[in-house]
């Protein structure tokens, strides 16, 4: 009867993740009505544009966007009223009826999407590939939309599965943070965050693996370069993750000269990619004041914001930016504190505060308990983690302040918790302790909490979109 004995330690975190993420992710994907994730309409437009081979958006008549079939714009209209209105509901009959709208690629019109138009094609790789395939089958626009969501989910699931598999420690903790409600919600969408989150987790896991391997080979250099280029292209502000390369001991290289040469080369590659895409983004950017007056009020723009003027103001006002950062982190604390765990829809549906506190309690318990006796993170390494985290958070805040705040404003209004998903693994690693290794606590806690939190998420989404008060 020995084979009947159950051992909790036999659970594999990577396979547990792929099962839970696929099952609950698909339910959340289908439960969330179309275009109910921030800017999902514009993300859809940009992904469709890329699927046609138009990697750079169209800039004409002081407008930024592209030519989109009118049938695609038409299917968004029935779901506009759901945004930020918790009293508005929908039903699957409505969604089914909209799904009958045919795709007519001959009838197109120019549509403005200045906020997503500046993203690189890398940011929409899974969505645009799916749309390309489904377009060839002449499927209706809503089929293209859901197909892109499903393909994005699969891309993310297998990316995180790979990250969990290769990371030398914190496997169950990585599983836990990847399965947080907000993480699963945003990664079942058209959002550019899907690729960013995937590449960030892979790069962190990859560098940690190299840090505890025996040798940094030429293939390691090539693979690292590719991941860095992809991440820097997808979202510039998370590029400082490359600073984790400083965790790799010199002894892992052929000699000191090779160590310095390869590290400098990787830094040049990463920041060279950043400069390349920054130049393209700057050439595409149009502030509200210069945007076509006939269309700017319906485009996703802030009337008093201007990225270039904001940067000039920052450079000419000493400690102004530091004051804005501190003030914003205090003022918007609830927004990002809750949003990292779960704020759904167009920031209109939050999980209850007791659940938020419970979630952070579980996160810290697992972060403290999921140690590995053979792997330690000494103080000098944690300093590198902290500096990397601090730089990323600063760049996230700066990017928001440049894009979405009035010039000279004293607070950043839009610090969403999902922006910290790629960086917060570094935060919790600061609590890592190799002496605390209790898998008999960690594994059941991760399994039970993930199951409970995702069921709770499903109920919250169903109530929000389908149940009238």
Foldseek 3Di string as FASTA:
>chain_A
DVVPDDDLVVDDLLVVLLVLLLVLLVLLLVLFDPPQFPPQLLLLQQLQCVLVVNQAFDQPPQATGHKDAVLSVVLCVVCPVLFLDLQAFDDVVSVVVSQPRFTDRVHIDTDGALVCNLAGNLLQVQLNVQLNVVVVVRGHNVVSQQSSLSSQSVVLSVLLSVLLVQAPFCSLLSSLLCLFLLNSNVSSGSGSVSSLQSLLSNLLRLLNSQQPDQACDPVNLVVNLVSLLSNCRSPVLLSLSLLLNVSRDQNRYPHVVRSVVSSVVSVCSNVVSNVVSVVSSVVSDRALVSHDPVCSVVYPHDNQAALVLLVVLVVVPPCLLVQQVVVACVVCVVQQLQQSRDQTGNSNFTDDPVVSVVSVVLSLVLLQARAALVDAQDPVSLVSLVVSLVSSVSSVQSVQCNGPHHRPDSYRDDPHNSSCSSNCVSVSNNNHDNVRYDCVPSSVSSVVSSVVSSVVSSVRSCCSHPNRD
